[in-house]
Amino acid sequence: MAPAPSSTSSAVTLNINGEKHHLTVDHRTTLLDALRERLDLTGTKKGCDQGQCGACTVLVDGRRAVSCLNLAVAAEGREITTIEGMAEGDRLHPVQQAFLDLDGYQCGYCTPGQICSAIAVIEEHAAGWPSAATEDVRPEAGPPPLTPDEIRERMSGNLCRCGAYVSIVQAVTRAAEAHHAAAHDGDRADRPETPEETAA
């Protein structure tokens, strides 16, 4: 049974990976510590504990966040996704599969944060968000090509002590191509067939 709230703690409900968790937490408790120490979701790693290495990256309402700099009480009502919530049963998320296929990890410590960031990067790019490496930032220019330079810039908040960056860039590239192909196939499925397609 959770302890009763006090002047220095609050009862919160955290929606994590589609499941609600009711906790009483000290107001100073970070989201990272709530995940690891209170809920046993240890896939999210504690690295620098200063928001610099990206090992603790999770998705909050679909956007990446370093959980060591976010308070658990501030996450109430938000949708939090950790590495444990990426796969669908035994089926890995395409980014997870690309990391596995292309050796986008070595010791694996930074990998959960890298994967969470990569998923957000692919969505941000598809939405047309520019980065510091984007040459043409005009909205009408649309999404820039997702070059290795773009990926490196967009993933620069996630450090890898083992130096697996080349494979990480390749994995993000492959997953982004799969995401684009799936979105394109979905667009085609939603529109009526042309006479040429019907005849074929």
N, C-alpha and C. Protein backbone atom coordinates (compact mmCIF):
# COMPACT_ATOMS: atom_id res chain seq x y z
N MET A 1 0.84 -1.19 0.00
CA MET A 1 0.00 0.00 0.00
C MET A 1 0.89 1.25 0.00
N ALA A 2 0.57 2.21 -0.88
CA ALA A 2 1.38 3.42 -0.99
C ALA A 2 1.18 4.30 0.24
N PRO A 3 2.28 4.94 0.69
CA PRO A 3 2.13 5.84 1.83
C PRO A 3 1.24 7.02 1.50
N ALA A 4 0.63 7.60 2.51
CA ALA A 4 -0.25 8.75 2.29
C ALA A 4 0.58 9.97 1.88
N PRO A 5 0.01 10.84 1.03
CA PRO A 5 0.72 12.06 0.65
C PRO A 5 1.00 12.94 1.87
N SER A 6 2.03 13.75 1.77
CA SER A 6 2.37 14.70 2.83
C SER A 6 2.67 16.04 2.18
N SER A 7 3.21 16.97 2.96
CA SER A 7 3.54 18.27 2.39
C SER A 7 4.69 18.19 1.40
N THR A 8 5.44 17.09 1.42
CA THR A 8 6.57 16.95 0.50
C THR A 8 6.36 15.83 -0.52
N SER A 9 5.17 15.26 -0.56
CA SER A 9 4.90 14.19 -1.52
C SER A 9 3.50 14.33 -2.08
N SER A 10 3.27 13.65 -3.18
CA SER A 10 1.96 13.69 -3.83
C SER A 10 1.61 12.31 -4.37
N ALA A 11 0.31 12.03 -4.41
CA ALA A 11 -0.18 10.82 -5.07
C ALA A 11 -0.33 11.14 -6.56
N VAL A 12 0.27 10.32 -7.40
CA VAL A 12 0.20 10.55 -8.84
C VAL A 12 -0.22 9.27 -9.54
N THR A 13 -0.77 9.45 -10.72
CA THR A 13 -1.08 8.32 -11.59
C THR A 13 -0.27 8.51 -12.86
N LEU A 14 0.61 7.57 -13.12
CA LEU A 14 1.46 7.64 -14.30
C LEU A 14 0.98 6.63 -15.33
N ASN A 15 0.75 7.11 -16.53
CA ASN A 15 0.32 6.25 -17.64
C ASN A 15 1.55 5.83 -18.41
N ILE A 16 2.01 4.62 -18.17
CA ILE A 16 3.26 4.15 -18.75
C ILE A 16 3.00 2.91 -19.60
N ASN A 17 3.37 2.99 -20.88
CA ASN A 17 3.19 1.88 -21.81
C ASN A 17 1.74 1.38 -21.82
N GLY A 18 0.81 2.34 -21.69
CA GLY A 18 -0.61 2.01 -21.76
C GLY A 18 -1.20 1.47 -20.47
N GLU A 19 -0.42 1.46 -19.41
CA GLU A 19 -0.91 0.95 -18.13
C GLU A 19 -0.79 2.04 -17.06
N LYS A 20 -1.81 2.18 -16.24
CA LYS A 20 -1.81 3.21 -15.19
C LYS A 20 -1.16 2.67 -13.91
N HIS A 21 -0.29 3.50 -13.34
CA HIS A 21 0.38 3.14 -12.09
C HIS A 21 0.11 4.24 -11.07
N HIS A 22 -0.37 3.85 -9.89
CA HIS A 22 -0.68 4.80 -8.83
C HIS A 22 0.45 4.78 -7.81
N LEU A 23 1.07 5.93 -7.61
CA LEU A 23 2.21 6.03 -6.71
C LEU A 23 2.09 7.26 -5.82
N THR A 24 2.71 7.20 -4.67
CA THR A 24 2.94 8.40 -3.87
C THR A 24 4.43 8.67 -3.94
N VAL A 25 4.81 9.83 -4.47
CA VAL A 25 6.23 10.13 -4.70
C VAL A 25 6.60 11.45 -4.04
N ASP A 26 7.82 11.51 -3.58
CA ASP A 26 8.40 12.77 -3.13
C ASP A 26 8.40 13.73 -4.31
N HIS A 27 8.15 14.99 -4.04
CA HIS A 27 8.09 15.98 -5.12
C HIS A 27 9.40 16.09 -5.90
N ARG A 28 10.50 15.66 -5.28
CA ARG A 28 11.80 15.75 -5.96
C ARG A 28 12.13 14.50 -6.77
N THR A 29 11.29 13.49 -6.74
CA THR A 29 11.57 12.25 -7.45
C THR A 29 11.52 12.47 -8.95
N THR A 30 12.58 12.07 -9.63
CA THR A 30 12.59 12.20 -11.08
C THR A 30 11.76 11.09 -11.71
N LEU A 31 11.35 11.32 -12.94
CA LEU A 31 10.65 10.28 -13.67
C LEU A 31 11.54 9.05 -13.82
N LEU A 32 12.82 9.26 -14.03
CA LEU A 32 13.77 8.15 -14.16
C LEU A 32 13.77 7.28 -12.91
N ASP A 33 13.87 7.90 -11.74
CA ASP A 33 13.89 7.12 -10.50
C ASP A 33 12.55 6.45 -10.23
N ALA A 34 11.46 7.09 -10.59
CA ALA A 34 10.15 6.45 -10.43
C ALA A 34 10.06 5.20 -11.31
N LEU A 35 10.55 5.31 -12.54
CA LEU A 35 10.52 4.16 -13.45
C LEU A 35 11.36 3.02 -12.93
N ARG A 36 12.58 3.32 -12.55
CA ARG A 36 13.54 2.27 -12.19
C ARG A 36 13.32 1.75 -10.76
N GLU A 37 13.21 2.67 -9.82
CA GLU A 37 13.19 2.28 -8.41
C GLU A 37 11.81 1.90 -7.88
N ARG A 38 10.78 2.50 -8.45
CA ARG A 38 9.43 2.25 -7.93
C ARG A 38 8.65 1.26 -8.79
N LEU A 39 8.91 1.26 -10.10
CA LEU A 39 8.10 0.42 -10.99
C LEU A 39 8.89 -0.71 -11.64
N ASP A 40 10.18 -0.79 -11.34
CA ASP A 40 11.04 -1.87 -11.84
C ASP A 40 11.12 -1.89 -13.37
N LEU A 41 10.96 -0.73 -14.00
CA LEU A 41 11.13 -0.61 -15.45
C LEU A 41 12.58 -0.18 -15.69
N THR A 42 13.47 -1.17 -15.61
CA THR A 42 14.90 -0.87 -15.61
C THR A 42 15.51 -0.80 -17.00
N GLY A 43 14.70 -0.90 -18.04
CA GLY A 43 15.24 -0.72 -19.39
C GLY A 43 15.76 0.68 -19.59
N THR A 44 15.12 1.66 -18.99
CA THR A 44 15.57 3.05 -19.04
C THR A 44 16.79 3.17 -18.13
N LYS A 45 17.93 3.58 -18.70
CA LYS A 45 19.18 3.56 -17.95
C LYS A 45 19.52 4.92 -17.34
N LYS A 46 20.21 4.86 -16.21
CA LYS A 46 20.74 6.07 -15.58
C LYS A 46 22.21 6.18 -15.96
N GLY A 47 22.53 7.21 -16.72
CA GLY A 47 23.91 7.41 -17.15
C GLY A 47 24.54 8.55 -16.38
N CYS A 48 24.48 9.75 -16.97
CA CYS A 48 25.11 10.91 -16.34
C CYS A 48 24.26 11.52 -15.24
N ASP A 49 22.95 11.30 -15.28
CA ASP A 49 21.99 11.89 -14.34
C ASP A 49 22.00 13.42 -14.41
N GLN A 50 22.43 13.96 -15.56
CA GLN A 50 22.49 15.41 -15.75
C GLN A 50 21.89 15.85 -17.09
N GLY A 51 21.22 14.92 -17.78
CA GLY A 51 20.59 15.27 -19.05
C GLY A 51 21.53 15.42 -20.22
N GLN A 52 22.74 14.87 -20.11
CA GLN A 52 23.73 15.08 -21.17
C GLN A 52 23.99 13.86 -22.04
N CYS A 53 23.72 12.64 -21.52
CA CYS A 53 24.11 11.45 -22.28
C CYS A 53 22.97 10.80 -23.05
N GLY A 54 21.73 11.05 -22.65
CA GLY A 54 20.58 10.50 -23.37
C GLY A 54 20.23 9.07 -23.03
N ALA A 55 20.97 8.43 -22.11
CA ALA A 55 20.68 7.02 -21.80
C ALA A 55 19.29 6.83 -21.20
N CYS A 56 18.75 7.87 -20.57
CA CYS A 56 17.45 7.76 -19.90
C CYS A 56 16.30 8.25 -20.76
N THR A 57 16.52 8.42 -22.06
CA THR A 57 15.48 8.96 -22.93
C THR A 57 14.25 8.05 -22.98
N VAL A 58 13.09 8.67 -22.82
CA VAL A 58 11.80 8.00 -23.00
C VAL A 58 10.95 8.91 -23.89
N LEU A 59 9.79 8.43 -24.27
CA LEU A 59 8.85 9.26 -25.03
C LEU A 59 7.75 9.73 -24.09
N VAL A 60 7.50 11.03 -24.11
CA VAL A 60 6.42 11.62 -23.32
C VAL A 60 5.49 12.31 -24.31
N ASP A 61 4.27 11.79 -24.41
CA ASP A 61 3.32 12.26 -25.42
C ASP A 61 3.94 12.22 -26.82
N GLY A 62 4.72 11.18 -27.07
CA GLY A 62 5.31 10.97 -28.39
C GLY A 62 6.59 11.73 -28.66
N ARG A 63 6.99 12.59 -27.73
CA ARG A 63 8.22 13.35 -27.93
C ARG A 63 9.28 12.88 -26.95
N ARG A 64 10.51 12.91 -27.37
CA ARG A 64 11.57 12.39 -26.50
C ARG A 64 11.86 13.34 -25.35
N ALA A 65 12.19 12.73 -24.23
CA ALA A 65 12.50 13.50 -23.02
C ALA A 65 13.54 12.74 -22.22
N VAL A 66 14.47 13.47 -21.63
CA VAL A 66 15.43 12.83 -20.74
C VAL A 66 14.76 12.73 -19.37
N SER A 67 14.51 11.51 -18.95
CA SER A 67 13.70 11.30 -17.75
C SER A 67 14.42 11.68 -16.47
N CYS A 68 15.76 11.86 -16.53
CA CYS A 68 16.47 12.27 -15.31
C CYS A 68 16.24 13.74 -14.98
N LEU A 69 15.75 14.52 -15.94
CA LEU A 69 15.50 15.94 -15.71
C LEU A 69 14.02 16.27 -15.62
N ASN A 70 13.18 15.26 -15.67
CA ASN A 70 11.74 15.46 -15.56
C ASN A 70 11.25 14.89 -14.24
N LEU A 71 10.44 15.66 -13.53
CA LEU A 71 9.90 15.18 -12.26
C LEU A 71 8.71 14.25 -12.51
N ALA A 72 8.61 13.24 -11.67
CA ALA A 72 7.51 12.30 -11.81
C ALA A 72 6.15 12.99 -11.65
N VAL A 73 6.07 13.95 -10.72
CA VAL A 73 4.79 14.62 -10.51
C VAL A 73 4.36 15.42 -11.74
N ALA A 74 5.34 15.87 -12.55
CA ALA A 74 5.02 16.65 -13.75
C ALA A 74 4.58 15.76 -14.90
N ALA A 75 4.77 14.45 -14.76
CA ALA A 75 4.41 13.52 -15.83
C ALA A 75 2.99 12.99 -15.70
N GLU A 76 2.28 13.38 -14.64
CA GLU A 76 0.91 12.90 -14.46
C GLU A 76 0.04 13.40 -15.62
N GLY A 77 -0.77 12.48 -16.14
CA GLY A 77 -1.65 12.83 -17.25
C GLY A 77 -1.00 12.78 -18.61
N ARG A 78 0.29 12.50 -18.65
CA ARG A 78 1.00 12.40 -19.92
C ARG A 78 1.13 10.92 -20.29
N GLU A 79 1.31 10.66 -21.57
CA GLU A 79 1.50 9.28 -22.02
C GLU A 79 2.99 9.01 -22.15
N ILE A 80 3.48 8.11 -21.31
CA ILE A 80 4.90 7.82 -21.26
C ILE A 80 5.15 6.46 -21.90
N THR A 81 6.14 6.41 -22.79
CA THR A 81 6.52 5.14 -23.42
C THR A 81 7.99 4.90 -23.14
N THR A 82 8.28 3.76 -22.56
CA THR A 82 9.66 3.35 -22.31
C THR A 82 10.04 2.25 -23.29
N ILE A 83 11.28 1.82 -23.23
CA ILE A 83 11.73 0.77 -24.14
C ILE A 83 10.90 -0.50 -23.97
N GLU A 84 10.40 -0.73 -22.75
CA GLU A 84 9.59 -1.94 -22.51
C GLU A 84 8.27 -1.91 -23.28
N GLY A 85 7.83 -0.74 -23.70
CA GLY A 85 6.55 -0.62 -24.40
C GLY A 85 6.66 -0.53 -25.90
N MET A 86 7.85 -0.74 -26.47
CA MET A 86 8.04 -0.57 -27.91
C MET A 86 7.57 -1.76 -28.74
N ALA A 87 7.86 -2.95 -28.27
CA ALA A 87 7.50 -4.15 -29.04
C ALA A 87 6.02 -4.47 -28.88
N GLU A 88 5.48 -5.18 -29.85
CA GLU A 88 4.12 -5.68 -29.77
C GLU A 88 4.21 -7.19 -29.59
N GLY A 89 4.14 -7.64 -28.34
CA GLY A 89 4.34 -9.06 -28.07
C GLY A 89 5.76 -9.46 -28.43
N ASP A 90 5.88 -10.48 -29.27
CA ASP A 90 7.20 -10.93 -29.72
C ASP A 90 7.69 -10.17 -30.94
N ARG A 91 6.87 -9.26 -31.45
CA ARG A 91 7.26 -8.53 -32.66
C ARG A 91 7.93 -7.22 -32.27
N LEU A 92 9.20 -7.09 -32.62
CA LEU A 92 9.96 -5.90 -32.29
C LEU A 92 9.48 -4.69 -33.08
N HIS A 93 9.65 -3.52 -32.50
CA HIS A 93 9.43 -2.28 -33.24
C HIS A 93 10.45 -2.25 -34.38
N PRO A 94 10.11 -1.68 -35.55
CA PRO A 94 11.06 -1.64 -36.67
C PRO A 94 12.42 -1.03 -36.31
N VAL A 95 12.43 -0.05 -35.41
CA VAL A 95 13.72 0.52 -35.01
C VAL A 95 14.51 -0.50 -34.20
N GLN A 96 13.85 -1.21 -33.29
CA GLN A 96 14.53 -2.26 -32.54
C GLN A 96 15.10 -3.31 -33.48
N GLN A 97 14.31 -3.70 -34.47
CA GLN A 97 14.75 -4.72 -35.41
C GLN A 97 15.94 -4.24 -36.22
N ALA A 98 15.92 -2.98 -36.63
CA ALA A 98 17.04 -2.44 -37.40
C ALA A 98 18.31 -2.38 -36.56
N PHE A 99 18.19 -2.00 -35.28
CA PHE A 99 19.35 -2.01 -34.40
C PHE A 99 19.91 -3.42 -34.26
N LEU A 100 19.02 -4.40 -34.16
CA LEU A 100 19.45 -5.79 -34.03
C LEU A 100 20.13 -6.28 -35.31
N ASP A 101 19.51 -5.99 -36.45
CA ASP A 101 20.03 -6.47 -37.73
C ASP A 101 21.38 -5.85 -38.09
N LEU A 102 21.56 -4.58 -37.72
CA LEU A 102 22.74 -3.84 -38.16
C LEU A 102 23.75 -3.57 -37.05
N ASP A 103 23.62 -4.30 -35.94
CA ASP A 103 24.56 -4.16 -34.82
C ASP A 103 24.65 -2.71 -34.35
N GLY A 104 23.49 -2.09 -34.13
CA GLY A 104 23.47 -0.72 -33.67
C GLY A 104 23.67 -0.60 -32.17
N TYR A 105 24.35 -1.54 -31.58
CA TYR A 105 24.61 -1.54 -30.14
C TYR A 105 25.89 -2.35 -29.92
N GLN A 106 26.54 -2.12 -28.82
CA GLN A 106 27.65 -2.98 -28.42
C GLN A 106 27.40 -3.46 -26.99
N CYS A 107 27.74 -2.65 -26.00
CA CYS A 107 27.44 -3.09 -24.63
C CYS A 107 25.94 -3.05 -24.36
N GLY A 108 25.21 -2.21 -25.10
CA GLY A 108 23.76 -2.15 -24.96
C GLY A 108 23.26 -1.17 -23.93
N TYR A 109 24.17 -0.54 -23.17
CA TYR A 109 23.71 0.34 -22.09
C TYR A 109 22.95 1.54 -22.62
N CYS A 110 23.43 2.15 -23.69
CA CYS A 110 22.78 3.35 -24.24
C CYS A 110 21.64 3.00 -25.18
N THR A 111 21.51 1.72 -25.54
CA THR A 111 20.59 1.33 -26.61
C THR A 111 19.13 1.70 -26.36
N PRO A 112 18.58 1.51 -25.16
CA PRO A 112 17.17 1.90 -24.96
C PRO A 112 16.93 3.38 -25.26
N GLY A 113 17.82 4.25 -24.79
CA GLY A 113 17.68 5.68 -25.07
C GLY A 113 17.88 5.99 -26.53
N GLN A 114 18.84 5.30 -27.16
CA GLN A 114 19.07 5.50 -28.60
C GLN A 114 17.82 5.12 -29.39
N ILE A 115 17.21 4.01 -29.05
CA ILE A 115 16.02 3.55 -29.78
C ILE A 115 14.85 4.51 -29.58
N CYS A 116 14.63 4.94 -28.33
CA CYS A 116 13.54 5.91 -28.09
C CYS A 116 13.77 7.19 -28.87
N SER A 117 15.01 7.68 -28.87
CA SER A 117 15.31 8.90 -29.63
C SER A 117 15.12 8.67 -31.13
N ALA A 118 15.57 7.52 -31.62
CA ALA A 118 15.46 7.25 -33.06
C ALA A 118 14.01 7.22 -33.51
N ILE A 119 13.13 6.64 -32.70
CA ILE A 119 11.71 6.61 -33.05
C ILE A 119 11.16 8.03 -33.14
N ALA A 120 11.53 8.87 -32.19
CA ALA A 120 11.08 10.27 -32.22
C ALA A 120 11.69 11.02 -33.39
N VAL A 121 12.96 10.77 -33.69
CA VAL A 121 13.64 11.43 -34.81
C VAL A 121 12.91 11.14 -36.12
N ILE A 122 12.55 9.88 -36.31
CA ILE A 122 11.87 9.51 -37.56
C ILE A 122 10.52 10.22 -37.67
N GLU A 123 9.80 10.32 -36.58
CA GLU A 123 8.50 11.03 -36.59
C GLU A 123 8.71 12.53 -36.80
N GLU A 124 9.69 13.11 -36.13
CA GLU A 124 9.97 14.55 -36.29
C GLU A 124 10.35 14.86 -37.73
N HIS A 125 11.18 14.02 -38.32
CA HIS A 125 11.59 14.24 -39.70
C HIS A 125 10.40 14.13 -40.65
N ALA A 126 9.58 13.08 -40.45
CA ALA A 126 8.41 12.90 -41.32
C ALA A 126 7.45 14.08 -41.22
N ALA A 127 7.41 14.73 -40.04
CA ALA A 127 6.54 15.89 -39.85
C ALA A 127 7.13 17.17 -40.43
N GLY A 128 8.36 17.08 -40.93
CA GLY A 128 8.98 18.24 -41.58
C GLY A 128 9.78 19.13 -40.66
N TRP A 129 10.05 18.68 -39.44
CA TRP A 129 10.82 19.51 -38.52
C TRP A 129 12.27 19.61 -39.00
N PRO A 130 12.81 20.81 -39.08
CA PRO A 130 14.22 20.96 -39.48
C PRO A 130 15.15 20.68 -38.30
N SER A 131 16.41 20.51 -38.60
CA SER A 131 17.44 20.37 -37.57
C SER A 131 18.51 21.42 -37.84
N ALA A 132 19.53 21.46 -37.01
CA ALA A 132 20.63 22.40 -37.22
C ALA A 132 21.41 22.07 -38.48
N ALA A 133 21.25 20.85 -39.01
CA ALA A 133 21.95 20.44 -40.23
C ALA A 133 21.12 20.66 -41.49
N THR A 134 19.86 21.08 -41.33
CA THR A 134 18.96 21.26 -42.48
C THR A 134 19.33 22.53 -43.24
N GLU A 135 19.57 22.38 -44.54
CA GLU A 135 19.98 23.53 -45.35
C GLU A 135 18.81 24.45 -45.68
N ASP A 136 17.68 23.89 -46.06
CA ASP A 136 16.51 24.70 -46.43
C ASP A 136 15.43 24.49 -45.37
N VAL A 137 15.25 25.48 -44.52
CA VAL A 137 14.31 25.33 -43.40
C VAL A 137 12.93 25.92 -43.71
N ARG A 138 12.69 26.36 -44.94
CA ARG A 138 11.38 26.89 -45.28
C ARG A 138 10.33 25.78 -45.19
N PRO A 139 9.16 26.08 -44.59
CA PRO A 139 8.12 25.04 -44.47
C PRO A 139 7.73 24.43 -45.81
N GLU A 140 7.71 25.24 -46.86
CA GLU A 140 7.30 24.72 -48.16
C GLU A 140 8.33 23.76 -48.76
N ALA A 141 9.54 23.74 -48.19
CA ALA A 141 10.57 22.84 -48.70
C ALA A 141 10.29 21.39 -48.31
N GLY A 142 9.45 21.19 -47.29
CA GLY A 142 9.13 19.84 -46.85
C GLY A 142 10.28 19.20 -46.10
N PRO A 143 10.12 17.94 -45.73
CA PRO A 143 11.18 17.26 -44.98
C PRO A 143 12.47 17.20 -45.79
N PRO A 144 13.61 17.49 -45.17
CA PRO A 144 14.87 17.38 -45.89
C PRO A 144 15.24 15.92 -46.08
N PRO A 145 16.12 15.61 -47.01
CA PRO A 145 16.59 14.22 -47.12
C PRO A 145 17.19 13.78 -45.79
N LEU A 146 16.87 12.58 -45.37
CA LEU A 146 17.39 12.10 -44.09
C LEU A 146 18.77 11.49 -44.32
N THR A 147 19.74 12.38 -44.51
CA THR A 147 21.11 12.00 -44.77
C THR A 147 21.80 11.57 -43.47
N PRO A 148 22.96 10.92 -43.58
CA PRO A 148 23.72 10.60 -42.35
C PRO A 148 24.01 11.84 -41.50
N ASP A 149 24.29 12.98 -42.16
CA ASP A 149 24.53 14.21 -41.39
C ASP A 149 23.29 14.63 -40.62
N GLU A 150 22.12 14.52 -41.25
CA GLU A 150 20.87 14.86 -40.56
C GLU A 150 20.65 13.93 -39.37
N ILE A 151 20.87 12.64 -39.58
CA ILE A 151 20.66 11.67 -38.49
C ILE A 151 21.63 11.94 -37.35
N ARG A 152 22.89 12.18 -37.68
CA ARG A 152 23.88 12.44 -36.62
C ARG A 152 23.51 13.67 -35.82
N GLU A 153 23.06 14.72 -36.49
CA GLU A 153 22.67 15.94 -35.78
C GLU A 153 21.45 15.69 -34.90
N ARG A 154 20.45 15.01 -35.45
CA ARG A 154 19.21 14.78 -34.71
C ARG A 154 19.41 13.80 -33.54
N MET A 155 20.39 12.92 -33.64
CA MET A 155 20.67 11.94 -32.59
C MET A 155 21.80 12.40 -31.68
N SER A 156 22.25 13.62 -31.82
CA SER A 156 23.46 14.06 -31.11
C SER A 156 23.29 14.14 -29.59
N GLY A 157 22.08 14.12 -29.10
CA GLY A 157 21.87 14.13 -27.66
C GLY A 157 22.03 12.77 -27.00
N ASN A 158 22.30 11.74 -27.81
CA ASN A 158 22.48 10.38 -27.28
C ASN A 158 23.91 9.94 -27.53
N LEU A 159 24.64 9.72 -26.45
CA LEU A 159 26.04 9.32 -26.55
C LEU A 159 26.18 7.81 -26.42
N CYS A 160 27.19 7.28 -27.11
CA CYS A 160 27.49 5.85 -27.07
C CYS A 160 28.96 5.70 -26.68
N ARG A 161 29.19 5.16 -25.50
CA ARG A 161 30.56 5.00 -25.03
C ARG A 161 31.35 4.02 -25.89
N CYS A 162 30.66 3.07 -26.50
CA CYS A 162 31.34 2.07 -27.31
C CYS A 162 31.66 2.57 -28.72
N GLY A 163 31.06 3.69 -29.12
CA GLY A 163 31.33 4.24 -30.45
C GLY A 163 30.63 3.51 -31.58
N ALA A 164 29.42 3.02 -31.35
CA ALA A 164 28.69 2.28 -32.38
C ALA A 164 27.92 3.20 -33.31
N TYR A 165 28.38 4.44 -33.46
CA TYR A 165 27.61 5.45 -34.19
C TYR A 165 27.35 5.09 -35.65
N VAL A 166 28.32 4.49 -36.32
CA VAL A 166 28.12 4.15 -37.74
C VAL A 166 26.94 3.19 -37.89
N SER A 167 26.91 2.16 -37.06
CA SER A 167 25.80 1.20 -37.14
C SER A 167 24.48 1.82 -36.70
N ILE A 168 24.53 2.74 -35.73
CA ILE A 168 23.31 3.41 -35.28
C ILE A 168 22.72 4.24 -36.42
N VAL A 169 23.57 4.99 -37.13
CA VAL A 169 23.09 5.78 -38.27
C VAL A 169 22.47 4.87 -39.33
N GLN A 170 23.12 3.74 -39.60
CA GLN A 170 22.58 2.79 -40.58
C GLN A 170 21.23 2.24 -40.13
N ALA A 171 21.11 1.95 -38.84
CA ALA A 171 19.85 1.41 -38.31
C ALA A 171 18.73 2.43 -38.40
N VAL A 172 19.03 3.69 -38.07
CA VAL A 172 18.00 4.73 -38.16
C VAL A 172 17.60 4.93 -39.62
N THR A 173 18.57 4.89 -40.52
CA THR A 173 18.27 5.03 -41.96
C THR A 173 17.31 3.93 -42.42
N ARG A 174 17.63 2.68 -42.06
CA ARG A 174 16.78 1.57 -42.50
C ARG A 174 15.37 1.68 -41.91
N ALA A 175 15.28 2.02 -40.62
CA ALA A 175 13.97 2.13 -39.99
C ALA A 175 13.17 3.28 -40.58
N ALA A 176 13.84 4.39 -40.91
CA ALA A 176 13.15 5.53 -41.52
C ALA A 176 12.62 5.16 -42.90
N GLU A 177 13.39 4.40 -43.65
CA GLU A 177 12.93 3.96 -44.98
C GLU A 177 11.70 3.07 -44.85
N ALA A 178 11.71 2.18 -43.86
CA ALA A 178 10.56 1.31 -43.63
C ALA A 178 9.34 2.12 -43.21
N HIS A 179 9.56 3.13 -42.36
CA HIS A 179 8.47 4.00 -41.91
C HIS A 179 7.88 4.76 -43.09
N HIS A 180 8.75 5.29 -43.95
CA HIS A 180 8.29 6.03 -45.12
C HIS A 180 7.50 5.12 -46.06
N ALA A 181 8.01 3.90 -46.28
CA ALA A 181 7.32 2.96 -47.17
C ALA A 181 5.95 2.59 -46.62
N ALA A 182 5.87 2.37 -45.30
CA ALA A 182 4.59 2.02 -44.68
C ALA A 182 3.61 3.17 -44.78
N ALA A 183 4.09 4.40 -44.58
CA ALA A 183 3.21 5.57 -44.68
C ALA A 183 2.73 5.74 -46.12
N HIS A 184 3.63 5.49 -47.07
CA HIS A 184 3.27 5.62 -48.48
C HIS A 184 2.24 4.57 -48.88
N ASP A 185 2.43 3.33 -48.40
CA ASP A 185 1.47 2.27 -48.69
C ASP A 185 0.11 2.59 -48.07
N GLY A 186 0.12 3.19 -46.87
CA GLY A 186 -1.13 3.57 -46.22
C GLY A 186 -1.87 4.65 -46.99
N ASP A 187 -1.11 5.61 -47.55
CA ASP A 187 -1.72 6.67 -48.36
C ASP A 187 -2.37 6.07 -49.60
N ARG A 188 -1.69 5.10 -50.21
CA ARG A 188 -2.24 4.49 -51.42
C ARG A 188 -3.50 3.68 -51.10
N ALA A 189 -3.50 3.04 -49.93
CA ALA A 189 -4.67 2.24 -49.55
C ALA A 189 -5.88 3.11 -49.28
N ASP A 190 -5.64 4.35 -48.86
CA ASP A 190 -6.74 5.25 -48.50
C ASP A 190 -7.37 5.94 -49.71
N ARG A 191 -6.65 5.99 -50.84
CA ARG A 191 -7.21 6.70 -51.99
C ARG A 191 -7.84 5.71 -52.97
N PRO A 192 -8.83 6.16 -53.76
CA PRO A 192 -9.45 5.27 -54.73
C PRO A 192 -8.46 4.90 -55.83
N GLU A 193 -8.63 3.73 -56.38
CA GLU A 193 -7.75 3.29 -57.46
C GLU A 193 -7.99 4.11 -58.72
N THR A 194 -6.91 4.35 -59.45
CA THR A 194 -7.02 5.02 -60.74
C THR A 194 -7.49 4.00 -61.76
N PRO A 195 -8.01 4.45 -62.93
CA PRO A 195 -8.42 3.49 -63.97
C PRO A 195 -7.27 2.56 -64.37
N GLU A 196 -6.04 3.12 -64.43
CA GLU A 196 -4.90 2.30 -64.82
C GLU A 196 -4.65 1.17 -63.81
N GLU A 197 -4.76 1.52 -62.48
CA GLU A 197 -4.54 0.50 -61.46
C GLU A 197 -5.65 -0.55 -61.48
N THR A 198 -6.89 -0.11 -61.76
CA THR A 198 -8.01 -1.04 -61.82
C THR A 198 -7.82 -2.02 -62.97
N ALA A 199 -7.36 -1.49 -64.11
CA ALA A 199 -7.15 -2.34 -65.29
C ALA A 199 -6.03 -3.33 -65.06
N ALA A 200 -5.03 -2.93 -64.30
CA ALA A 200 -3.91 -3.84 -64.04
C ALA A 200 -4.35 -5.00 -63.18
